């Protein structure tokens, strides 16, 4: 095998990407709330839009990669632009904190302008980098089974990067240390510098295909003559497959809205209502450290769940696995509902064990849903529509992240004077109402998915 050492190099690159990308998510909202004094609801909305735009940018990066500059250049361009964005965030955090009152819109003072510019850089860079690495895998491993196993390994690498970021940022930045945010963003930028060094040192020697040819030098353009392309007609079965894929992607949209809401708000819930210490642990668990629990669960449970389905004699329908994932996420929200009642009753020392259990359960839902949806698209999409339907999935994912930011903005904040109303009708005055909204949403989604099956 000419490329038997490619996967370790890609694995290290993905650890670095996960470290920097998910690290931003760990401290960005805290930075906006504590340093820039933005309202929590507005900060969560910005974070949701930021994530959504990253996935939209992957489509632009994919087009450039496939048709113009190739994966080699797109990886370097994305890494450099994203690193510049993080250096700008570090510079922003080194400025004197603006002495402004709590506000829910941009005042466009100097620190906020730097924030906006830096986020534009990180959005473009993260989108380009993610699609660049993803496009290299099929070029290196031309055997489909190898491609699938490689993507599984690289997903684990992203989660390892996120775990490292949450632990390091939790220790260095801590809670409410305004002077330390600049070092947090600087550390995240260093992850990308390491990625650039690893990639450029080893790409010619190890990132090669089965024939030993260097990949990513030229764009991958599949030229199909228009006359032939026009004569390709979809069969009835293929049309049904496309309809089924679109329905599944709508289901994924709703699923990931609530999934990401927990991810973006749990730190703030833990900060005010959860006891941040565990017996026999020599250190306190900071809000940033909570972010490592879910990816840790993905790493622990992925091989167990995969082995379980492989060992079972009966074949589980792919949609059945998605239904299982929705049920598991619903259980996670029911646990949060119990914690919400406690918080609404003034309890401020909830055991962090409940948070750990809830996050580990949520990790199982991700394992059951995300890879299954990707499998459905890749397995049932007609070849001539595969890239477009995969692109459509990323658009749905972008929509889910953006809408999760909108829904997270209803997270009860004690600093809010006016009680927000969902759709202008439902007042979200407490955590109980907030969690019930998602419980009802997932019960409806469960019924719709079961009927669609």
Protein backbone atom coordinates (compact mmCIF):
# COMPACT_ATOMS: atom_id res chain seq x y z
CA UNK A 1 0.00 0.00 0.00
CA UNK A 2 1.46 3.32 -1.09
CA UNK A 3 -0.79 5.31 1.24
CA UNK A 4 -0.86 3.21 4.41
CA UNK A 5 0.48 6.17 6.45
CA UNK A 6 -2.01 8.71 5.09
CA UNK A 7 -4.65 8.13 7.75
CA UNK A 8 -2.41 8.98 10.76
CA UNK A 9 -1.48 12.30 9.09
CA UNK A 10 -5.13 13.11 8.33
CA UNK A 11 -6.04 12.04 11.88
CA UNK A 12 -3.56 14.54 13.38
CA UNK A 13 -4.82 17.28 11.05
CA UNK A 14 -8.41 16.64 12.12
CA UNK A 15 -7.43 16.71 15.81
CA UNK A 16 -5.93 20.17 15.19
CA UNK A 17 -9.01 21.31 13.23
CA UNK A 18 -11.38 20.03 15.93
CA UNK A 19 -9.25 21.69 18.61
CA UNK A 20 -9.44 25.11 16.94
CA UNK A 21 -12.98 25.00 15.48
CA UNK A 22 -14.81 23.57 18.48
CA UNK A 23 -12.58 25.56 20.81
CA UNK A 24 -14.07 28.73 19.35
CA UNK A 25 -17.53 27.45 20.24
CA UNK A 26 -16.43 26.80 23.81
CA UNK A 27 -15.34 30.36 24.66
CA UNK A 28 -16.91 32.59 21.99
CA UNK A 29 -20.28 33.06 23.69
CA UNK A 30 -18.60 33.47 27.09
CA UNK A 31 -16.32 36.12 25.57
CA UNK A 32 -19.23 38.01 24.02
CA UNK A 33 -21.25 37.95 27.26
CA UNK A 34 -18.51 38.58 29.81
CA UNK A 35 -16.07 40.77 27.84
CA UNK A 36 -18.24 42.64 25.33
CA UNK A 37 -21.25 42.68 27.70
CA UNK A 38 -23.67 41.40 25.06
CA UNK A 39 -27.01 40.04 26.17
CA UNK A 40 -26.89 36.21 26.46
CA UNK A 41 -29.80 35.73 24.04
CA UNK A 42 -28.11 37.91 21.42
CA UNK A 43 -24.75 36.16 21.92
CA UNK A 44 -26.37 32.74 21.43
CA UNK A 45 -28.10 33.99 18.27
CA UNK A 46 -24.74 35.23 16.89
CA UNK A 47 -23.15 31.87 17.67
CA UNK A 48 -25.95 29.99 15.85
CA UNK A 49 -25.65 32.20 12.76
CA UNK A 50 -21.85 31.82 12.87
CA UNK A 51 -22.11 28.01 12.82
CA UNK A 52 -24.71 28.07 10.07
CA UNK A 53 -22.55 30.27 7.85
CA UNK A 54 -19.58 27.92 8.30
CA UNK A 55 -21.58 25.11 6.67
CA UNK A 56 -22.78 27.41 3.89
CA UNK A 57 -19.12 28.31 3.25
CA UNK A 58 -18.26 24.62 2.79
CA UNK A 59 -20.37 24.71 -0.39
CA UNK A 60 -18.33 27.64 -1.75
CA UNK A 61 -15.12 25.92 -0.72
CA UNK A 62 -16.25 22.68 -2.33
CA UNK A 63 -16.94 24.44 -5.62
CA UNK A 64 -13.51 26.11 -5.59
CA UNK A 65 -11.86 22.83 -4.62
CA UNK A 66 -13.53 20.73 -7.32
CA UNK A 67 -13.47 23.21 -10.17
CA UNK A 68 -10.66 25.73 -9.70
CA UNK A 69 -7.82 25.27 -7.18
CA UNK A 70 -7.83 21.71 -5.79
CA UNK A 71 -7.83 20.42 -2.22
CA UNK A 72 -4.14 21.15 -1.53
CA UNK A 73 -4.55 24.91 -1.91
CA UNK A 74 -7.97 25.05 -0.24
CA UNK A 75 -6.58 23.41 2.94
CA UNK A 76 -3.72 25.91 3.19
CA UNK A 77 -5.97 28.88 2.36
CA UNK A 78 -8.61 27.80 4.87
CA UNK A 79 -6.08 27.16 7.66
CA UNK A 80 -4.36 30.52 7.17
CA UNK A 81 -7.62 32.53 6.99
CA UNK A 82 -9.05 30.79 10.07
CA UNK A 83 -5.79 31.33 12.00
CA UNK A 84 -5.91 35.03 11.09
CA UNK A 85 -9.45 35.18 12.45
CA UNK A 86 -8.32 33.67 15.75
CA UNK A 87 -5.34 36.03 15.99
CA UNK A 88 -7.79 38.90 15.51
CA UNK A 89 -10.03 37.50 18.26
CA UNK A 90 -6.97 37.31 20.53
CA UNK A 91 -6.19 40.95 19.69
CA UNK A 92 -9.81 41.88 20.39
CA UNK A 93 -9.62 40.20 23.80
CA UNK A 94 -6.39 42.10 24.60
CA UNK A 95 -8.19 45.44 24.28
CA UNK A 96 -9.71 47.15 27.28
CA UNK A 97 -13.18 45.77 27.92
CA UNK A 98 -15.69 48.36 26.63
CA UNK A 99 -17.49 50.01 29.55
CA UNK A 100 -20.97 49.58 28.10
CA UNK A 101 -24.25 48.57 29.62
CA UNK A 102 -25.77 45.18 28.82
CA UNK A 103 -27.04 45.41 25.24
CA UNK A 104 -28.84 43.13 22.77
CA UNK A 105 -27.67 44.67 19.48
CA UNK A 106 -24.28 45.64 18.12
CA UNK A 107 -23.15 49.12 19.16
CA UNK A 108 -20.38 48.89 16.54
CA UNK A 109 -17.71 50.13 18.91
CA UNK A 110 -14.11 49.22 18.06
CA UNK A 111 -14.01 45.82 19.89
CA UNK A 112 -17.31 44.77 18.28
CA UNK A 113 -16.09 45.74 14.79
CA UNK A 114 -12.96 43.62 15.35
CA UNK A 115 -15.22 40.76 16.53
CA UNK A 116 -17.31 40.92 13.33
CA UNK A 117 -14.22 41.01 11.08
CA UNK A 118 -12.59 38.11 12.94
CA UNK A 119 -15.76 36.00 12.71
CA UNK A 120 -15.90 36.59 8.95
CA UNK A 121 -12.33 35.29 8.70
CA UNK A 122 -13.03 32.22 10.86
CA UNK A 123 -16.25 31.42 8.96
CA UNK A 124 -14.50 31.45 5.58
CA UNK A 125 -11.43 29.64 6.88
CA UNK A 126 -13.33 26.93 8.78
CA UNK A 127 -15.60 26.21 5.80
CA UNK A 128 -12.70 25.94 3.35
CA UNK A 129 -10.60 23.80 5.71
CA UNK A 130 -13.39 21.36 6.52
CA UNK A 131 -14.34 20.68 2.91
CA UNK A 132 -10.67 20.55 1.87
CA UNK A 133 -9.84 17.72 4.26
CA UNK A 134 -13.09 15.91 3.45
CA UNK A 135 -12.35 16.03 -0.30
CA UNK A 136 -8.87 14.54 0.15
CA UNK A 137 -10.17 11.28 1.68
CA UNK A 138 -11.87 9.89 -1.49
CA UNK A 139 -8.80 10.88 -3.52
CA UNK A 140 -6.45 8.93 -1.23
CA UNK A 141 -8.63 5.89 -0.52
CA UNK A 142 -10.31 4.78 -3.73
CA UNK A 143 -11.99 1.76 -2.10
CA UNK A 144 -15.44 2.65 -0.74
CA UNK A 145 -15.14 0.62 2.48
CA UNK A 146 -11.85 2.34 3.25
CA UNK A 147 -13.44 5.73 2.63
CA UNK A 148 -16.25 5.02 5.11
CA UNK A 149 -13.91 3.73 7.83
CA UNK A 150 -11.61 6.72 7.27
CA UNK A 151 -14.45 9.19 7.77
CA UNK A 152 -15.39 7.36 10.99
CA UNK A 153 -11.81 7.67 12.27
CA UNK A 154 -11.63 11.35 11.29
CA UNK A 155 -14.90 12.07 13.10
CA UNK A 156 -13.34 10.58 16.24
CA UNK A 157 -10.29 12.81 15.67
CA UNK A 158 -12.52 15.92 15.62
CA UNK A 159 -14.05 14.85 18.93
CA UNK A 160 -10.61 14.26 20.45
CA UNK A 161 -9.66 17.80 19.39
CA UNK A 162 -12.79 19.16 21.05
CA UNK A 163 -12.03 17.29 24.28
CA UNK A 164 -8.49 18.70 24.34
CA UNK A 165 -9.80 22.24 23.70
CA UNK A 166 -12.42 22.07 26.47
CA UNK A 167 -9.95 20.80 29.05
CA UNK A 168 -7.13 23.21 28.13
CA UNK A 169 -9.42 26.25 27.87
CA UNK A 170 -11.19 25.26 31.09
CA UNK A 171 -7.87 25.21 32.94
CA UNK A 172 -6.28 28.30 31.34
CA UNK A 173 -9.23 30.64 30.82
CA UNK A 174 -11.40 29.34 33.65
CA UNK A 175 -14.57 31.21 34.55
CA UNK A 176 -14.92 34.95 34.19
CA UNK A 177 -11.20 35.70 33.75
CA UNK A 178 -11.42 38.57 31.26
CA UNK A 179 -7.65 39.00 30.97
CA UNK A 180 -7.17 35.37 29.90
CA UNK A 181 -9.47 35.21 26.86
CA UNK A 182 -6.65 36.56 24.65
CA UNK A 183 -4.52 33.54 25.57
CA UNK A 184 -7.43 31.20 24.90
CA UNK A 185 -7.87 32.42 21.31
CA UNK A 186 -4.09 32.43 20.84
CA UNK A 187 -3.89 28.77 21.91
CA UNK A 188 -6.65 27.91 19.42
CA UNK A 189 -4.73 29.69 16.66
CA UNK A 190 -1.65 27.63 17.53
CA UNK A 191 -3.65 24.48 16.71
CA UNK A 192 -4.02 25.70 13.14
CA UNK A 193 -0.35 26.62 12.90
CA UNK A 194 0.49 23.03 13.91
CA UNK A 195 -1.98 21.75 11.28
CA UNK A 196 -0.33 23.86 8.55
CA UNK A 197 3.12 22.56 9.55
CA UNK A 198 2.00 18.89 9.62
CA UNK A 199 0.21 19.17 6.28
CA UNK A 200 3.01 20.88 4.40
CA UNK A 201 5.72 18.65 5.86
CA UNK A 202 4.08 15.34 5.05
CA UNK A 203 1.65 15.94 2.16
CA UNK A 204 4.05 15.00 -0.65
CA UNK A 205 5.32 11.86 1.05
CA UNK A 206 2.22 10.42 2.70
CA UNK A 207 -0.90 12.06 1.24
CA UNK A 208 -0.88 9.98 -1.94
CA UNK A 209 -3.34 7.63 -3.66
CA UNK A 210 -3.01 3.86 -4.16
CA UNK A 211 -0.70 4.47 -7.13
CA UNK A 212 1.61 6.68 -5.07
CA UNK A 213 0.49 9.86 -6.86
CA UNK A 214 0.26 13.11 -4.87
CA UNK A 215 -3.38 14.14 -4.37
CA UNK A 216 -4.95 17.59 -4.38
CA UNK A 217 -2.65 19.18 -6.95
CA UNK A 218 -5.40 19.77 -9.50
CA UNK A 219 -9.17 20.28 -9.28
CA UNK A 220 -11.39 17.23 -9.61
CA UNK A 221 -13.69 18.10 -12.48
CA UNK A 222 -16.04 15.52 -13.89
CA UNK A 223 -16.89 16.65 -17.41
CA UNK A 224 -20.09 15.06 -18.64
CA UNK A 225 -21.13 16.15 -22.15
CA UNK A 226 -24.37 18.09 -22.04
CA UNK A 227 -26.08 15.82 -24.56
CA UNK A 228 -25.35 12.72 -22.48
CA UNK A 229 -26.32 14.49 -19.29
CA UNK A 230 -29.62 15.65 -20.74
CA UNK A 231 -30.51 12.10 -21.79
CA UNK A 232 -30.12 10.73 -18.23
CA UNK A 233 -33.64 10.27 -16.86
CA UNK A 234 -34.55 9.27 -13.36
CA UNK A 235 -36.44 6.02 -12.82
CA UNK A 236 -39.51 5.89 -10.57
CA UNK A 237 -37.44 4.25 -7.83
CA UNK A 238 -34.77 6.98 -8.06
CA UNK A 239 -37.45 9.67 -7.82
CA UNK A 240 -38.82 7.97 -4.68
CA UNK A 241 -35.30 7.82 -3.27
CA UNK A 242 -34.81 11.55 -3.80
CA UNK A 243 -38.12 12.34 -2.09
CA UNK A 244 -37.18 10.06 0.82
CA UNK A 245 -33.76 11.73 1.14
CA UNK A 246 -35.33 15.21 1.25
CA UNK A 247 -37.82 14.07 3.93
CA UNK A 248 -34.96 12.59 5.99
CA UNK A 249 -33.04 15.84 5.65
CA UNK A 250 -36.06 17.80 6.94
CA UNK A 251 -36.11 15.42 9.92
CA UNK A 252 -32.38 16.04 10.46
CA UNK A 253 -33.04 19.80 10.41
CA UNK A 254 -35.43 19.54 13.37
CA UNK A 255 -33.23 17.00 15.17
CA UNK A 256 -30.10 19.15 15.08
CA UNK A 257 -31.91 22.33 16.17
CA UNK A 258 -32.53 20.96 19.66
CA UNK A 259 -29.30 18.99 19.69
CA UNK A 260 -27.29 22.19 19.22
CA UNK A 261 -29.42 24.23 21.63
CA UNK A 262 -28.24 22.04 24.51
CA UNK A 263 -24.67 22.31 23.25
CA UNK A 264 -24.71 26.12 23.23
CA UNK A 265 -26.71 26.79 26.44
CA UNK A 266 -25.62 24.09 28.88
CA UNK A 267 -22.47 25.99 29.92
CA UNK A 268 -24.56 28.93 31.10
CA UNK A 269 -27.04 26.71 32.93
CA UNK A 270 -24.16 24.92 34.69
CA UNK A 271 -22.49 28.24 35.53
CA UNK A 272 -25.45 29.44 37.60
CA UNK A 273 -27.21 26.30 38.84
CA UNK A 274 -24.77 23.38 38.96
CA UNK A 275 -22.27 22.54 41.70
CA UNK A 276 -18.92 22.64 39.92
CA UNK A 277 -17.11 20.08 42.04
CA UNK A 278 -17.06 16.30 42.31
CA UNK A 279 -16.00 14.42 45.41
CA UNK A 280 -12.38 13.19 45.23
CA UNK A 281 -11.60 15.41 42.22
CA UNK A 282 -8.79 17.87 43.11
CA UNK A 283 -10.11 20.62 40.81
CA UNK A 284 -13.36 22.42 40.02
CA UNK A 285 -15.22 21.67 36.81
CA UNK A 286 -15.46 24.97 34.89
CA UNK A 287 -18.27 25.62 32.35
CA UNK A 288 -15.79 25.14 29.48
CA UNK A 289 -14.93 21.64 30.69
CA UNK A 290 -18.56 20.53 30.34
CA UNK A 291 -18.06 20.70 26.57
CA UNK A 292 -15.79 17.65 26.61
CA UNK A 293 -18.43 15.22 27.95
CA UNK A 294 -20.48 14.79 24.73
CA UNK A 295 -17.50 14.19 22.37
CA UNK A 296 -16.03 11.81 24.97
CA UNK A 297 -19.30 9.87 24.81
CA UNK A 298 -19.06 9.72 21.00
CA UNK A 299 -15.58 8.20 21.26
CA UNK A 300 -16.59 5.70 23.96
CA UNK A 301 -19.94 4.58 22.56
CA UNK A 302 -19.25 4.60 18.78
CA UNK A 303 -17.43 1.22 18.66
CA UNK A 304 -19.94 -0.30 21.11
CA UNK A 305 -22.97 0.75 19.06
CA UNK A 306 -21.35 -0.23 15.76
CA UNK A 307 -20.44 -3.67 17.18
CA UNK A 308 -23.97 -4.12 18.51
CA UNK A 309 -25.64 -3.53 15.15
CA UNK A 310 -23.07 -5.69 13.36
CA UNK A 311 -23.63 -8.58 15.80
CA UNK A 312 -27.43 -8.50 15.59
CA UNK A 313 -28.81 -11.03 13.13
CA UNK A 314 -31.82 -8.94 12.16
CA UNK A 315 -31.13 -5.98 9.91
CA UNK A 316 -32.23 -2.69 11.42
CA UNK A 317 -33.87 -0.30 8.99
CA UNK A 318 -31.82 2.91 8.65
CA UNK A 319 -34.86 5.01 9.55
CA UNK A 320 -35.37 2.84 12.64
CA UNK A 321 -31.93 3.92 13.86
CA UNK A 322 -32.90 7.58 13.35
CA UNK A 323 -36.06 6.96 15.39
CA UNK A 324 -33.87 5.49 18.14
CA UNK A 325 -31.71 8.61 18.01
CA UNK A 326 -34.75 10.89 18.39
CA UNK A 327 -35.96 8.83 21.38
CA UNK A 328 -32.53 9.05 23.02
CA UNK A 329 -32.38 12.85 22.54
CA UNK A 330 -35.90 13.07 23.93
CA UNK A 331 -34.72 11.22 27.06
CA UNK A 332 -31.88 13.73 27.36
CA UNK A 333 -34.38 16.61 27.30
CA UNK A 334 -36.57 14.86 29.89
CA UNK A 335 -33.59 14.77 32.24
CA UNK A 336 -33.06 18.46 31.54
CA UNK A 337 -36.76 19.04 32.33
CA UNK A 338 -36.19 17.63 35.84
CA UNK A 339 -33.15 19.87 36.29
CA UNK A 340 -35.20 22.81 34.95
CA UNK A 341 -37.83 22.35 37.67
CA UNK A 342 -35.08 22.30 40.30
CA UNK A 343 -33.52 25.49 38.89
CA UNK A 344 -36.88 27.26 38.71
CA UNK A 345 -37.39 26.41 42.40
CA UNK A 346 -34.16 28.19 43.30
CA UNK A 347 -31.80 25.21 43.56
CA UNK A 348 -28.27 26.36 42.70
CA UNK A 349 -26.27 23.28 43.73
CA UNK A 350 -27.51 20.65 41.28
CA UNK A 351 -25.09 17.73 41.09
CA UNK A 352 -22.91 17.80 37.99
CA UNK A 353 -23.45 14.03 37.74
CA UNK A 354 -26.86 14.79 36.18
CA UNK A 355 -25.17 16.93 33.51
CA UNK A 356 -22.65 14.18 32.78
CA UNK A 357 -25.42 11.56 32.38
CA UNK A 358 -27.46 13.88 30.16
CA UNK A 359 -24.50 14.66 27.88
CA UNK A 360 -23.46 11.02 27.55
CA UNK A 361 -27.02 10.14 26.53
CA UNK A 362 -26.99 13.00 24.01
CA UNK A 363 -23.78 11.61 22.48
CA UNK A 364 -25.58 8.34 21.72
CA UNK A 365 -28.25 10.24 19.77
CA UNK A 366 -25.55 11.82 17.58
CA UNK A 367 -24.05 8.38 16.82
CA UNK A 368 -27.47 7.03 15.84
CA UNK A 369 -28.47 9.93 13.59
CA UNK A 370 -25.59 11.79 11.88
CA UNK A 371 -23.75 8.86 10.20
CA UNK A 372 -27.06 7.23 9.27
CA UNK A 373 -28.27 10.31 7.40
CA UNK A 374 -24.97 10.52 5.52
CA UNK A 375 -25.26 6.81 4.71
CA UNK A 376 -28.80 7.27 3.36
CA UNK A 377 -27.69 10.11 1.07
CA UNK A 378 -24.61 8.27 -0.22
CA UNK A 379 -26.44 4.94 -0.62
CA UNK A 380 -29.71 6.01 -2.25
CA UNK A 381 -28.92 9.23 -4.13
CA UNK A 382 -28.67 8.81 -7.93
CA UNK A 383 -25.04 9.29 -8.96
CA UNK A 384 -25.76 12.35 -11.06
CA UNK A 385 -27.44 14.01 -8.03
CA UNK A 386 -25.13 12.80 -5.25
CA UNK A 387 -23.07 15.98 -4.82
CA UNK A 388 -26.15 18.20 -4.99
CA UNK A 389 -28.07 16.14 -2.42
CA UNK A 390 -25.00 16.09 -0.15
CA UNK A 391 -24.76 19.85 -0.59
CA UNK A 392 -28.45 20.11 0.27
CA UNK A 393 -27.75 18.22 3.51
CA UNK A 394 -25.11 20.81 4.45
CA UNK A 395 -27.65 23.55 3.70
CA UNK A 396 -30.14 21.87 6.05
CA UNK A 397 -27.38 21.56 8.65
CA UNK A 398 -26.60 25.26 8.23
CA UNK A 399 -30.30 26.02 8.71
CA UNK A 400 -30.36 23.85 11.84
CA UNK A 401 -27.41 25.72 13.37
CA UNK A 402 -28.94 29.11 12.55
CA UNK A 403 -32.36 28.14 13.92
CA UNK A 404 -30.72 26.64 17.01
CA UNK A 405 -29.23 30.08 17.66
CA UNK A 406 -32.72 31.59 17.36
CA UNK A 407 -34.22 28.98 19.72
CA UNK A 408 -31.32 29.29 22.16
CA UNK A 409 -32.01 33.03 22.37
CA UNK A 410 -35.12 32.10 24.41
CA UNK A 411 -32.89 30.53 27.08
CA UNK A 412 -34.07 32.08 30.38
CA UNK A 413 -31.65 34.78 31.47
CA UNK A 414 -31.99 36.45 34.87
CA UNK A 415 -30.75 39.71 33.30
CA UNK A 416 -33.68 39.85 30.88
CA UNK A 417 -36.21 42.49 31.85
CA UNK A 418 -38.72 41.58 29.14
CA UNK A 419 -39.90 37.95 28.95
CA UNK A 420 -39.40 36.69 25.38
CA UNK A 421 -42.34 35.08 23.57
CA UNK A 422 -41.89 32.25 21.10
CA UNK A 423 -43.78 33.11 17.87
CA UNK A 424 -45.07 36.12 19.82
CA UNK A 425 -47.47 33.81 21.69
CA UNK A 426 -45.68 31.48 24.16
CA UNK A 427 -43.92 33.31 27.02
CA UNK A 428 -40.65 31.57 27.91
CA UNK A 429 -40.28 32.81 31.47
CA UNK A 430 -38.52 29.82 33.03
CA UNK A 431 -36.46 26.71 32.31
CA UNK A 432 -39.48 24.44 32.63
CA UNK A 433 -41.22 26.11 29.66
CA UNK A 434 -37.95 26.23 27.72
CA UNK A 435 -37.38 22.47 28.04
CA UNK A 436 -41.05 21.60 27.42
CA UNK A 437 -40.91 23.32 24.02
CA UNK A 438 -38.25 20.85 22.88
CA UNK A 439 -39.92 17.84 24.47
CA UNK A 440 -43.12 18.59 22.51
CA UNK A 441 -41.07 19.28 19.37
CA UNK A 442 -39.34 15.89 19.55
CA UNK A 443 -42.53 14.02 20.35
CA UNK A 444 -44.04 15.47 17.17
CA UNK A 445 -40.86 14.69 15.22
CA UNK A 446 -40.92 11.11 16.53
CA UNK A 447 -44.50 10.60 15.31
CA UNK A 448 -43.76 12.20 11.91
CA UNK A 449 -40.62 10.08 11.44
CA UNK A 450 -42.46 6.90 12.41
CA UNK A 451 -45.24 7.65 9.94
CA UNK A 452 -42.65 8.47 7.22
CA UNK A 453 -40.95 5.13 7.80
